[in-house]
PDB file of N, CA and C in Angstrom:
ATOM      1  N   MET A   1      -1.621-148.137  86.744  1.00  0.00           N
ATOM      2  CA  MET A   1      -2.725-147.315  86.300  1.00  0.00           C
ATOM      3  C   MET A   1      -2.248-146.464  85.125  1.00  0.00           C
ATOM      4  N   THR A   2      -3.075-146.300  84.119  1.00  0.00           N
ATOM      5  CA  THR A   2      -2.693-145.490  82.971  1.00  0.00           C
ATOM      6  C   THR A   2      -2.942-144.022  83.258  1.00  0.00           C
ATOM      7  N   ARG A   3      -2.171-143.172  82.604  1.00  0.00           N
ATOM      8  CA  ARG A   3      -2.340-141.722  82.778  1.00  0.00           C
ATOM      9  C   ARG A   3      -3.751-141.326  82.398  1.00  0.00           C
ATOM     10  N   GLY A   4      -4.311-140.447  83.178  1.00  0.00           N
ATOM     11  CA  GLY A   4      -5.644-139.949  82.911  1.00  0.00           C
ATOM     12  C   GLY A   4      -6.747-140.817  83.492  1.00  0.00           C
ATOM     13  N   ALA A   5      -6.392-141.937  84.121  1.00  0.00           N
ATOM     14  CA  ALA A   5      -7.403-142.835  84.667  1.00  0.00           C
ATOM     15  C   ALA A   5      -7.823-142.451  86.084  1.00  0.00           C
ATOM     16  N   THR A   6      -7.073-141.572  86.737  1.00  0.00           N
ATOM     17  CA  THR A   6      -7.409-141.164  88.100  1.00  0.00           C
ATOM     18  C   THR A   6      -8.494-140.096  88.050  1.00  0.00           C
ATOM     19  N   PRO A   7      -9.647-140.339  88.670  1.00  0.00           N
ATOM     20  CA  PRO A   7     -10.702-139.319  88.656  1.00  0.00           C
ATOM     21  C   PRO A   7     -10.296-138.111  89.490  1.00  0.00           C
ATOM     22  N   GLY A   8     -10.871-136.964  89.180  1.00  0.00           N
ATOM     23  CA  GLY A   8     -10.523-135.763  89.913  1.00  0.00           C
ATOM     24  C   GLY A   8     -11.642-134.754  89.968  1.00  0.00           C
ATOM     25  N   LEU A   9     -11.469-133.791  90.858  1.00  0.00           N
ATOM     26  CA  LEU A   9     -12.395-132.682  91.036  1.00  0.00           C
ATOM     27  C   LEU A   9     -11.606-131.390  91.152  1.00  0.00           C
ATOM     28  N   LEU A  10     -12.227-130.288  90.740  1.00  0.00           N
ATOM     29  CA  LEU A  10     -11.657-128.956  90.908  1.00  0.00           C
ATOM     30  C   LEU A  10     -12.588-128.159  91.802  1.00  0.00           C
ATOM     31  N   VAL A  11     -12.058-127.615  92.888  1.00  0.00           N
ATOM     32  CA  VAL A  11     -12.817-126.735  93.766  1.00  0.00           C
ATOM     33  C   VAL A  11     -12.560-125.317  93.272  1.00  0.00           C
ATOM     34  N   ALA A  12     -13.590-124.680  92.722  1.00  0.00           N
ATOM     35  CA  ALA A  12     -13.447-123.341  92.140  1.00  0.00           C
ATOM     36  C   ALA A  12     -14.648-122.487  92.526  1.00  0.00           C
ATOM     37  N   ALA A  13     -14.500-121.185  92.379  1.00  0.00           N
ATOM     38  CA  ALA A  13     -15.570-120.242  92.690  1.00  0.00           C
ATOM     39  C   ALA A  13     -15.363-118.983  91.854  1.00  0.00           C
ATOM     40  N   PRO A  14     -16.393-118.150  91.737  1.00  0.00           N
ATOM     41  CA  PRO A  14     -16.274-116.960  90.895  1.00  0.00           C
ATOM     42  C   PRO A  14     -15.435-115.831  91.483  1.00  0.00           C
ATOM     43  N   ALA A  15     -15.008-115.947  92.742  1.00  0.00           N
ATOM     44  CA  ALA A  15     -14.242-114.856  93.359  1.00  0.00           C
ATOM     45  C   ALA A  15     -13.394-115.379  94.508  1.00  0.00           C
ATOM     46  N   SER A  16     -12.499-114.531  94.983  1.00  0.00           N
ATOM     47  CA  SER A  16     -11.715-114.844  96.183  1.00  0.00           C
ATOM     48  C   SER A  16     -12.600-114.715  97.414  1.00  0.00           C
ATOM     49  N   GLY A  17     -12.185-115.334  98.496  1.00  0.00           N
ATOM     50  CA  GLY A  17     -12.902-115.184  99.756  1.00  0.00           C
ATOM     51  C   GLY A  17     -14.237-115.895  99.805  1.00  0.00           C
ATOM     52  N   THR A  18     -14.408-116.928  98.979  1.00  0.00           N
ATOM     53  CA  THR A  18     -15.694-117.622  98.901  1.00  0.00           C
ATOM     54  C   THR A  18     -15.708-118.965  99.621  1.00  0.00           C
ATOM     55  N   GLY A  19     -14.595-119.358 100.224  1.00  0.00           N
ATOM     56  CA  GLY A  19     -14.556-120.596 100.989  1.00  0.00           C
ATOM     57  C   GLY A  19     -13.965-121.794 100.279  1.00  0.00           C
ATOM     58  N   LYS A  20     -13.235-121.561  99.187  1.00  0.00           N
ATOM     59  CA  LYS A  20     -12.633-122.685  98.447  1.00  0.00           C
ATOM     60  C   LYS A  20     -11.708-123.513  99.330  1.00  0.00           C
ATOM     61  N   THR A  21     -10.870-122.849 100.092  1.00  0.00           N
ATOM     62  CA  THR A  21      -9.919-123.573 100.939  1.00  0.00           C
ATOM     63  C   THR A  21     -10.653-124.352 102.021  1.00  0.00           C
ATOM     64  N   THR A  22     -11.677-123.771 102.607  1.00  0.00           N
ATOM     65  CA  THR A  22     -12.452-124.461 103.632  1.00  0.00           C
ATOM     66  C   THR A  22     -13.100-125.718 103.070  1.00  0.00           C
ATOM     67  N   VAL A  23     -13.716-125.605 101.894  1.00  0.00           N
ATOM     68  CA  VAL A  23     -14.339-126.766 101.242  1.00  0.00           C
ATOM     69  C   VAL A  23     -13.278-127.807 100.898  1.00  0.00           C
ATOM     70  N   MET A  24     -12.164-127.348 100.348  1.00  0.00           N
ATOM     71  CA  MET A  24     -11.077-128.253  99.970  1.00  0.00           C
ATOM     72  C   MET A  24     -10.581-129.047 101.177  1.00  0.00           C
ATOM     73  N   LEU A  25     -10.323-128.362 102.280  1.00  0.00           N
ATOM     74  CA  LEU A  25      -9.809-129.038 103.471  1.00  0.00           C
ATOM     75  C   LEU A  25     -10.825-130.022 104.039  1.00  0.00           C
ATOM     76  N   GLY A  26     -12.096-129.647 104.022  1.00  0.00           N
ATOM     77  CA  GLY A  26     -13.141-130.552 104.497  1.00  0.00           C
ATOM     78  C   GLY A  26     -13.234-131.807 103.647  1.00  0.00           C
ATOM     79  N   LEU A  27     -13.176-131.632 102.327  1.00  0.00           N
ATOM     80  CA  LEU A  27     -13.209-132.789 101.422  1.00  0.00           C
ATOM     81  C   LEU A  27     -11.988-133.680 101.608  1.00  0.00           C
ATOM     82  N   LEU A  28     -10.811-133.062 101.673  1.00  0.00           N
ATOM     83  CA  LEU A  28      -9.586-133.849 101.839  1.00  0.00           C
ATOM     84  C   LEU A  28      -9.642-134.701 103.101  1.00  0.00           C
ATOM     85  N   ARG A  29     -10.058-134.102 104.197  1.00  0.00           N
ATOM     86  CA  ARG A  29     -10.081-134.836 105.465  1.00  0.00           C
ATOM     87  C   ARG A  29     -11.160-135.912 105.466  1.00  0.00           C
ATOM     88  N   ALA A  30     -12.341-135.596 104.935  1.00  0.00           N
ATOM     89  CA  ALA A  30     -13.427-136.580 104.904  1.00  0.00           C
ATOM     90  C   ALA A  30     -13.048-137.777 104.038  1.00  0.00           C
ATOM     91  N   LEU A  31     -12.450-137.514 102.887  1.00  0.00           N
ATOM     92  CA  LEU A  31     -12.037-138.607 102.003  1.00  0.00           C
ATOM     93  C   LEU A  31     -10.930-139.436 102.649  1.00  0.00           C
ATOM     94  N   ARG A  32      -9.981-138.764 103.278  1.00  0.00           N
ATOM     95  CA  ARG A  32      -8.902-139.484 103.977  1.00  0.00           C
ATOM     96  C   ARG A  32      -9.477-140.367 105.084  1.00  0.00           C
ATOM     97  N   ASP A  33     -10.424-139.825 105.841  1.00  0.00           N
ATOM     98  CA  ASP A  33     -11.046-140.595 106.920  1.00  0.00           C
ATOM     99  C   ASP A  33     -11.804-141.808 106.391  1.00  0.00           C
ATOM    100  N   ASP A  34     -12.278-141.728 105.142  1.00  0.00           N
ATOM    101  CA  ASP A  34     -12.973-142.855 104.498  1.00  0.00           C
ATOM    102  C   ASP A  34     -12.004-143.830 103.837  1.00  0.00           C
ATOM    103  N   GLY A  35     -10.703-143.576 103.983  1.00  0.00           N
ATOM    104  CA  GLY A  35      -9.703-144.484 103.423  1.00  0.00           C
ATOM    105  C   GLY A  35      -9.401-144.261 101.956  1.00  0.00           C
ATOM    106  N   ILE A  36      -9.790-143.108 101.435  1.00  0.00           N
ATOM    107  CA  ILE A  36      -9.538-142.780 100.029  1.00  0.00           C
ATOM    108  C   ILE A  36      -8.257-141.961  99.938  1.00  0.00           C
ATOM    109  N   ALA A  37      -7.311-142.424  99.138  1.00  0.00           N
ATOM    110  CA  ALA A  37      -6.051-141.697  98.935  1.00  0.00           C
ATOM    111  C   ALA A  37      -6.295-140.583  97.925  1.00  0.00           C
ATOM    112  N   VAL A  38      -6.219-139.346  98.388  1.00  0.00           N
ATOM    113  CA  VAL A  38      -6.483-138.186  97.536  1.00  0.00           C
ATOM    114  C   VAL A  38      -5.195-137.402  97.346  1.00  0.00           C
ATOM    115  N   GLN A  39      -4.865-137.104  96.086  1.00  0.00           N
ATOM    116  CA  GLN A  39      -3.703-136.270  95.782  1.00  0.00           C
ATOM    117  C   GLN A  39      -4.167-134.831  95.625  1.00  0.00           C
ATOM    118  N   PRO A  40      -3.768-133.932  96.543  1.00  0.00           N
ATOM    119  CA  PRO A  40      -4.168-132.535  96.421  1.00  0.00           C
ATOM    120  C   PRO A  40      -3.224-131.724  95.526  1.00  0.00           C
ATOM    121  N   PHE A  41      -3.800-130.731  94.867  1.00  0.00           N
ATOM    122  CA  PHE A  41      -3.055-129.766  94.062  1.00  0.00           C
ATOM    123  C   PHE A  41      -3.612-128.378  94.341  1.00  0.00           C
ATOM    124  N   LYS A  42      -2.790-127.371  94.131  1.00  0.00           N
ATOM    125  CA  LYS A  42      -3.210-125.977  94.237  1.00  0.00           C
ATOM    126  C   LYS A  42      -2.866-125.282  92.937  1.00  0.00           C
ATOM    127  N   CYS A  43      -3.836-124.596  92.352  1.00  0.00           N
ATOM    128  CA  CYS A  43      -3.593-123.836  91.124  1.00  0.00           C
ATOM    129  C   CYS A  43      -2.921-122.517  91.487  1.00  0.00           C
ATOM    130  N   GLY A  44      -1.861-122.198  90.779  1.00  0.00           N
ATOM    131  CA  GLY A  44      -1.161-120.946  91.004  1.00  0.00           C
ATOM    132  C   GLY A  44      -0.057-121.057  92.041  1.00  0.00           C
ATOM    133  N   PRO A  45       0.677-119.946  92.214  1.00  0.00           N
ATOM    134  CA  PRO A  45       1.819-119.936  93.139  1.00  0.00           C
ATOM    135  C   PRO A  45       1.366-119.644  94.570  1.00  0.00           C
ATOM    136  N   ASP A  46       1.283-120.655  95.375  1.00  0.00           N
ATOM    137  CA  ASP A  46       0.846-120.505  96.762  1.00  0.00           C
ATOM    138  C   ASP A  46       1.575-121.548  97.597  1.00  0.00           C
ATOM    139  N   TYR A  47       2.037-121.178  98.763  1.00  0.00           N
ATOM    140  CA  TYR A  47       2.691-122.166  99.625  1.00  0.00           C
ATOM    141  C   TYR A  47       1.931-122.399 100.926  1.00  0.00           C
ATOM    142  N   ILE A  48       0.991-121.530 101.261  1.00  0.00           N
ATOM    143  CA  ILE A  48       0.254-121.683 102.515  1.00  0.00           C
ATOM    144  C   ILE A  48      -0.816-122.766 102.388  1.00  0.00           C
ATOM    145  N   ASP A  49      -1.692-122.648 101.384  1.00  0.00           N
ATOM    146  CA  ASP A  49      -2.758-123.638 101.215  1.00  0.00           C
ATOM    147  C   ASP A  49      -2.214-125.055 101.034  1.00  0.00           C
ATOM    148  N   PRO A  50      -1.149-125.262 100.244  1.00  0.00           N
ATOM    149  CA  PRO A  50      -0.619-126.624 100.133  1.00  0.00           C
ATOM    150  C   PRO A  50      -0.170-127.219 101.475  1.00  0.00           C
ATOM    151  N   ALA A  51       0.293-126.387 102.389  1.00  0.00           N
ATOM    152  CA  ALA A  51       0.657-126.896 103.718  1.00  0.00           C
ATOM    153  C   ALA A  51      -0.587-127.383 104.462  1.00  0.00           C
ATOM    154  N   PHE A  52      -1.683-126.652 104.326  1.00  0.00           N
ATOM    155  CA  PHE A  52      -2.950-127.090 104.925  1.00  0.00           C
ATOM    156  C   PHE A  52      -3.446-128.370 104.252  1.00  0.00           C
ATOM    157  N   HIS A  53      -3.299-128.437 102.918  1.00  0.00           N
ATOM    158  CA  HIS A  53      -3.714-129.639 102.179  1.00  0.00           C
ATOM    159  C   HIS A  53      -2.997-130.872 102.723  1.00  0.00           C
ATOM    160  N   ARG A  54      -1.705-130.728 102.947  1.00  0.00           N
ATOM    161  CA  ARG A  54      -0.908-131.862 103.445  1.00  0.00           C
ATOM    162  C   ARG A  54      -1.406-132.323 104.813  1.00  0.00           C
ATOM    163  N   ALA A  55      -1.695-131.372 105.679  1.00  0.00           N
ATOM    164  CA  ALA A  55      -2.185-131.728 107.014  1.00  0.00           C
ATOM    165  C   ALA A  55      -3.522-132.463 106.936  1.00  0.00           C
ATOM    166  N   ALA A  56      -4.385-132.057 106.022  1.00  0.00           N
ATOM    167  CA  ALA A  56      -5.708-132.675 105.908  1.00  0.00           C
ATOM    168  C   ALA A  56      -5.682-134.012 105.183  1.00  0.00           C
ATOM    169  N   SER A  57      -4.794-134.148 104.197  1.00  0.00           N
ATOM    170  CA  SER A  57      -4.810-135.344 103.343  1.00  0.00           C
ATOM    171  C   SER A  57      -3.752-136.379 103.699  1.00  0.00           C
ATOM    172  N   GLY A  58      -2.676-135.927 104.359  1.00  0.00           N
ATOM    173  CA  GLY A  58      -1.562-136.825 104.628  1.00  0.00           C
ATOM    174  C   GLY A  58      -0.636-137.002 103.441  1.00  0.00           C
ATOM    175  N   ARG A  59      -0.850-136.231 102.383  1.00  0.00           N
ATOM    176  CA  ARG A  59      -0.006-136.291 101.183  1.00  0.00           C
ATOM    177  C   ARG A  59       0.463-134.881 100.841  1.00  0.00           C
ATOM    178  N   ALA A  60       1.660-134.772 100.307  1.00  0.00           N
ATOM    179  CA  ALA A  60       2.171-133.469  99.867  1.00  0.00           C
ATOM    180  C   ALA A  60       1.284-132.919  98.759  1.00  0.00           C
ATOM    181  N   SER A  61       1.024-131.629  98.808  1.00  0.00           N
ATOM    182  CA  SER A  61       0.244-130.945  97.779  1.00  0.00           C
ATOM    183  C   SER A  61       1.209-130.213  96.858  1.00  0.00           C
ATOM    184  N   PHE A  62       0.894-130.179  95.575  1.00  0.00           N
ATOM    185  CA  PHE A  62       1.781-129.572  94.584  1.00  0.00           C
ATOM    186  C   PHE A  62       1.071-128.447  93.846  1.00  0.00           C
ATOM    187  N   ASN A  63       1.837-127.408  93.517  1.00  0.00           N
ATOM    188  CA  ASN A  63       1.299-126.284  92.760  1.00  0.00           C
ATOM    189  C   ASN A  63       1.259-126.603  91.276  1.00  0.00           C
ATOM    190  N   LEU A  64       0.207-126.152  90.624  1.00  0.00           N
ATOM    191  CA  LEU A  64       0.061-126.231  89.172  1.00  0.00           C
ATOM    192  C   LEU A  64      -0.090-124.804  88.668  1.00  0.00           C
ATOM    193  N   ASP A  65       0.875-124.314  87.919  1.00  0.00           N
ATOM    194  CA  ASP A  65       0.863-122.929  87.454  1.00  0.00           C
ATOM    195  C   ASP A  65       1.166-122.897  85.962  1.00  0.00           C
ATOM    196  N   SER A  66       0.121-122.784  85.160  1.00  0.00           N
ATOM    197  CA  SER A  66       0.296-122.836  83.702  1.00  0.00           C
ATOM    198  C   SER A  66       1.003-121.600  83.152  1.00  0.00           C
ATOM    199  N   TRP A  67       1.096-120.537  83.931  1.00  0.00           N
ATOM    200  CA  TRP A  67       1.818-119.357  83.471  1.00  0.00           C
ATOM    201  C   TRP A  67       3.318-119.535  83.672  1.00  0.00           C
ATOM    202  N   ALA A  68       3.705-120.104  84.801  1.00  0.00           N
ATOM    203  CA  ALA A  68       5.120-120.194  85.156  1.00  0.00           C
ATOM    204  C   ALA A  68       5.766-121.534  84.815  1.00  0.00           C
ATOM    205  N   MET A  69       4.965-122.529  84.447  1.00  0.00           N
ATOM    206  CA  MET A  69       5.504-123.873  84.206  1.00  0.00           C
ATOM    207  C   MET A  69       5.253-124.317  82.773  1.00  0.00           C
ATOM    208  N   THR A  70       6.174-125.101  82.254  1.00  0.00           N
ATOM    209  CA  THR A  70       6.013-125.654  80.908  1.00  0.00           C
ATOM    210  C   THR A  70       5.037-126.829  80.941  1.00  0.00           C
ATOM    211  N   GLY A  71       4.541-127.198  79.787  1.00  0.00           N
ATOM    212  CA  GLY A  71       3.650-128.348  79.676  1.00  0.00           C
ATOM    213  C   GLY A  71       4.247-129.622  80.237  1.00  0.00           C
ATOM    214  N   PRO A  72       5.492-129.958  79.845  1.00  0.00           N
ATOM    215  CA  PRO A  72       6.100-131.168  80.403  1.00  0.00           C
ATOM    216  C   PRO A  72       6.251-131.115  81.930  1.00  0.00           C
ATOM    217  N   ARG A  73       6.545-129.940  82.463  1.00  0.00           N
ATOM    218  CA  ARG A  73       6.667-129.796  83.924  1.00  0.00           C
ATOM    219  C   ARG A  73       5.314-130.034  84.589  1.00  0.00           C
ATOM    220  N   LEU A  74       4.253-129.456  84.018  1.00  0.00           N
ATOM    221  CA  LEU A  74       2.911-129.666  84.560  1.00  0.00           C
ATOM    222  C   LEU A  74       2.521-131.137  84.505  1.00  0.00           C
ATOM    223  N   ASP A  75       2.844-131.798  83.396  1.00  0.00           N
ATOM    224  CA  ASP A  75       2.556-133.234  83.265  1.00  0.00           C
ATOM    225  C   ASP A  75       3.267-134.036  84.348  1.00  0.00           C
ATOM    226  N   GLY A  76       4.519-133.685  84.609  1.00  0.00           N
ATOM    227  CA  GLY A  76       5.281-134.383  85.638  1.00  0.00           C
ATOM    228  C   GLY A  76       4.682-134.205  87.019  1.00  0.00           C
ATOM    229  N   ILE A  77       4.227-132.994  87.300  1.00  0.00           N
ATOM    230  CA  ILE A  77       3.607-132.736  88.602  1.00  0.00           C
ATOM    231  C   ILE A  77       2.265-133.456  88.694  1.00  0.00           C
ATOM    232  N   ALA A  78       1.475-133.401  87.633  1.00  0.00           N
ATOM    233  CA  ALA A  78       0.173-134.078  87.631  1.00  0.00           C
ATOM    234  C   ALA A  78       0.325-135.582  87.823  1.00  0.00           C
ATOM    235  N   ALA A  79       1.439-136.135  87.351  1.00  0.00           N
ATOM    236  CA  ALA A  79       1.680-137.577  87.487  1.00  0.00           C
ATOM    237  C   ALA A  79       1.804-137.995  88.951  1.00  0.00           C
ATOM    238  N   ARG A  80       2.012-137.034  89.847  1.00  0.00           N
ATOM    239  CA  ARG A  80       2.082-137.356  91.280  1.00  0.00           C
ATOM    240  C   ARG A  80       0.774-137.970  91.773  1.00  0.00           C
ATOM    241  N   GLY A  81      -0.305-137.743  91.037  1.00  0.00           N
ATOM    242  CA  GLY A  81      -1.596-138.293  91.429  1.00  0.00           C
ATOM    243  C   GLY A  81      -1.902-139.647  90.839  1.00  0.00           C
ATOM    244  N   ASP A  82      -0.993-140.201  90.046  1.00  0.00           N
ATOM    245  CA  ASP A  82      -1.258-141.480  89.382  1.00  0.00           C
ATOM    246  C   ASP A  82      -1.479-142.634  90.355  1.00  0.00           C
ATOM    247  N   ASP A  83      -0.884-142.572  91.538  1.00  0.00           N
ATOM    248  CA  ASP A  83      -1.055-143.661  92.504  1.00  0.00           C
ATOM    249  C   ASP A  83      -2.164-143.386  93.519  1.00  0.00           C
ATOM    250  N   ALA A  84      -2.883-142.291  93.347  1.00  0.00           N
ATOM    251  CA  ALA A  84      -3.973-141.940  94.258  1.00  0.00           C
ATOM    252  C   ALA A  84      -5.297-142.517  93.748  1.00  0.00           C
ATOM    253  N   ASP A  85      -6.271-142.589  94.639  1.00  0.00           N
ATOM    254  CA  ASP A  85      -7.613-143.008  94.244  1.00  0.00           C
ATOM    255  C   ASP A  85      -8.320-141.891  93.480  1.00  0.00           C
ATOM    256  N   MET A  86      -7.970-140.644  93.810  1.00  0.00           N
ATOM    257  CA  MET A  86      -8.522-139.492  93.100  1.00  0.00           C
ATOM    258  C   MET A  86      -7.631-138.276  93.330  1.00  0.00           C
ATOM    259  N   THR A  87      -7.811-137.268  92.493  1.00  0.00           N
ATOM    260  CA  THR A  87      -7.100-136.006  92.665  1.00  0.00           C
ATOM    261  C   THR A  87      -8.119-134.921  92.989  1.00  0.00           C
ATOM    262  N   LEU A  88      -7.670-133.923  93.721  1.00  0.00           N
ATOM    263  CA  LEU A  88      -8.515-132.803  94.095  1.00  0.00           C
ATOM    264  C   LEU A  88      -7.667-131.545  93.982  1.00  0.00           C
ATOM    265  N   ALA A  89      -8.095-130.604  93.150  1.00  0.00           N
ATOM    266  CA  ALA A  89      -7.341-129.368  92.933  1.00  0.00           C
ATOM    267  C   ALA A  89      -8.143-128.176  93.429  1.00  0.00           C
ATOM    268  N   GLU A  90      -7.454-127.255  94.083  1.00  0.00           N
ATOM    269  CA  GLU A  90      -8.075-126.015  94.541  1.00  0.00           C
ATOM    270  C   GLU A  90      -7.676-124.892  93.606  1.00  0.00           C
ATOM    271  N   GLY A  91      -8.679-124.209  93.069  1.00  0.00           N
ATOM    272  CA  GLY A  91      -8.419-123.067  92.209  1.00  0.00           C
ATOM    273  C   GLY A  91      -7.886-121.897  93.021  1.00  0.00           C
ATOM    274  N   SER A  92      -7.471-120.848  92.321  1.00  0.00           N
ATOM    275  CA  SER A  92      -6.987-119.654  93.006  1.00  0.00           C
ATOM    276  C   SER A  92      -7.791-118.454  92.541  1.00  0.00           C
ATOM    277  N   MET A  93      -8.048-117.566  93.450  1.00  0.00           N
ATOM    278  CA  MET A  93      -8.809-116.349  93.182  1.00  0.00           C
ATOM    279  C   MET A  93     -10.152-116.717  92.563  1.00  0.00           C
ATOM    280  N   GLY A  94     -10.548-116.043  91.464  1.00  0.00           N
ATOM    281  CA  GLY A  94     -11.827-116.329  90.828  1.00  0.00           C
ATOM    282  C   GLY A  94     -11.655-117.060  89.514  1.00  0.00           C
ATOM    283  N   LEU A  95     -12.754-117.521  88.965  1.00  0.00           N
ATOM    284  CA  LEU A  95     -12.714-118.298  87.726  1.00  0.00           C
ATOM    285  C   LEU A  95     -12.071-117.543  86.574  1.00  0.00           C
ATOM    286  N   PHE A  96     -12.259-116.226  86.511  1.00  0.00           N
ATOM    287  CA  PHE A  96     -11.802-115.473  85.351  1.00  0.00           C
ATOM    288  C   PHE A  96     -10.616-114.558  85.635  1.00  0.00           C
ATOM    289  N   ASP A  97     -10.043-114.628  86.841  1.00  0.00           N
ATOM    290  CA  ASP A  97      -8.853-113.837  87.145  1.00  0.00           C
ATOM    291  C   ASP A  97      -7.697-114.320  86.291  1.00  0.00           C
ATOM    292  N   GLY A  98      -7.014-113.416  85.656  1.00  0.00           N
ATOM    293  CA  GLY A  98      -5.875-113.766  84.820  1.00  0.00           C
ATOM    294  C   GLY A  98      -6.235-114.168  83.404  1.00  0.00           C
ATOM    295  N   VAL A  99      -7.529-114.162  83.082  1.00  0.00           N
ATOM    296  CA  VAL A  99      -7.942-114.556  81.722  1.00  0.00           C
ATOM    297  C   VAL A  99      -7.870-113.352  80.814  1.00  0.00           C
TER     298      VAL A  99
END
Protein backbone atom coordinates (compact mmCIF):
# COMPACT_ATOMS: atom_id res chain seq x y z
CA MET A 1 0.00 0.00 0.00
CA THR A 2 1.33 3.47 -0.79
CA ARG A 3 1.69 6.11 1.90
CA GLY A 4 -1.41 8.18 2.33
CA ALA A 5 -3.70 5.50 0.88
CA THR A 6 -5.07 4.38 4.26
CA PRO A 7 -8.33 6.21 5.02
CA GLY A 8 -8.70 7.79 8.43
CA LEU A 9 -10.89 9.71 10.83
CA LEU A 10 -10.19 12.17 13.64
CA VAL A 11 -12.41 12.14 16.73
CA ALA A 12 -12.38 15.75 17.96
CA ALA A 13 -14.57 18.13 19.95
CA PRO A 14 -14.54 21.79 20.97
CA ALA A 15 -13.67 21.05 24.62
CA SER A 16 -12.46 18.49 27.13
CA GLY A 17 -14.95 16.21 28.82
CA THR A 18 -17.16 15.86 25.74
CA GLY A 19 -16.91 12.09 25.25
CA LYS A 20 -14.12 11.79 22.67
CA THR A 21 -12.60 8.77 24.37
CA THR A 22 -15.99 7.07 24.74
CA VAL A 23 -16.76 7.58 21.03
CA MET A 24 -13.24 6.48 20.06
CA LEU A 25 -13.45 3.26 22.08
CA GLY A 26 -16.90 2.46 20.71
CA LEU A 27 -15.73 2.96 17.13
CA LEU A 28 -12.56 0.94 17.64
CA ARG A 29 -14.43 -2.01 19.10
CA ALA A 30 -17.27 -1.92 16.55
CA LEU A 31 -14.83 -1.79 13.64
CA ARG A 32 -12.72 -4.58 15.14
CA ASP A 33 -15.84 -6.71 15.61
CA ASP A 34 -16.64 -6.13 11.90
CA GLY A 35 -13.19 -7.46 10.96
CA ILE A 36 -11.72 -4.07 10.08
CA ALA A 37 -8.09 -3.56 11.14
CA VAL A 38 -7.97 -0.07 12.66
CA GLN A 39 -4.74 1.65 13.70
CA PRO A 40 -5.45 3.95 16.66
CA PHE A 41 -3.53 7.12 17.47
CA LYS A 42 -3.77 9.68 20.26
CA CYS A 43 -2.92 13.34 19.72
CA GLY A 44 -0.66 14.75 22.40
CA PRO A 45 1.23 13.21 25.32
CA ASP A 46 -1.09 10.68 26.94
CA TYR A 47 -0.51 7.11 28.08
CA ILE A 48 -3.89 6.21 29.58
CA ASP A 49 -6.13 6.55 26.51
CA PRO A 50 -3.71 4.60 24.27
CA ALA A 51 -3.95 1.68 26.71
CA PHE A 52 -7.74 1.74 26.33
CA HIS A 53 -7.34 2.01 22.53
CA ARG A 54 -5.24 -1.16 22.52
CA ALA A 55 -7.82 -3.08 24.53
CA ALA A 56 -10.61 -2.02 22.16
CA SER A 57 -8.75 -2.42 18.86
CA GLY A 58 -6.26 -5.21 19.52
CA ARG A 59 -3.48 -2.98 18.15
CA ALA A 60 -0.98 -0.75 19.96
CA SER A 61 -1.95 2.92 19.91
CA PHE A 62 0.71 5.57 19.29
CA ASN A 63 0.96 9.20 20.37
CA LEU A 64 1.23 11.96 17.78
CA ASP A 65 2.62 15.17 19.29
CA SER A 66 3.58 17.88 16.81
CA TRP A 67 5.03 20.03 19.59
CA ALA A 68 7.41 17.41 20.99
CA MET A 69 8.17 15.38 17.84
CA THR A 70 9.96 16.19 14.61
CA GLY A 71 8.30 15.79 11.23
CA PRO A 72 10.29 12.67 10.34
CA ARG A 73 9.41 11.13 13.73
CA LEU A 74 5.70 11.84 13.17
CA ASP A 75 5.92 10.32 9.68
CA GLY A 76 7.50 7.19 11.13
CA ILE A 77 4.78 6.83 13.73
CA ALA A 78 2.02 7.50 11.18
CA ALA A 79 3.49 4.75 9.00
CA ARG A 80 2.36 2.27 11.68
CA GLY A 81 -1.07 2.55 10.07
CA ASP A 82 0.08 1.60 6.57
CA ASP A 83 -0.95 -2.04 7.04
CA ALA A 84 -4.34 -1.20 8.58
CA ASP A 85 -7.67 -0.92 6.78
CA MET A 86 -8.08 2.53 8.33
CA THR A 87 -6.64 4.84 10.96
CA LEU A 88 -8.53 6.51 13.77
CA ALA A 89 -7.02 9.34 15.84
CA GLU A 90 -8.36 10.81 19.07
CA GLY A 91 -7.79 14.50 19.61
CA SER A 92 -6.82 15.94 22.97
CA MET A 93 -8.59 18.62 24.95
CA GLY A 94 -10.43 21.04 22.63
CA LEU A 95 -10.01 21.98 18.99
CA PHE A 96 -8.26 25.26 19.77
CA ASP A 97 -6.27 24.39 22.91
CA GLY A 98 -2.62 25.15 22.32
CA VAL A 99 -3.29 27.24 19.20
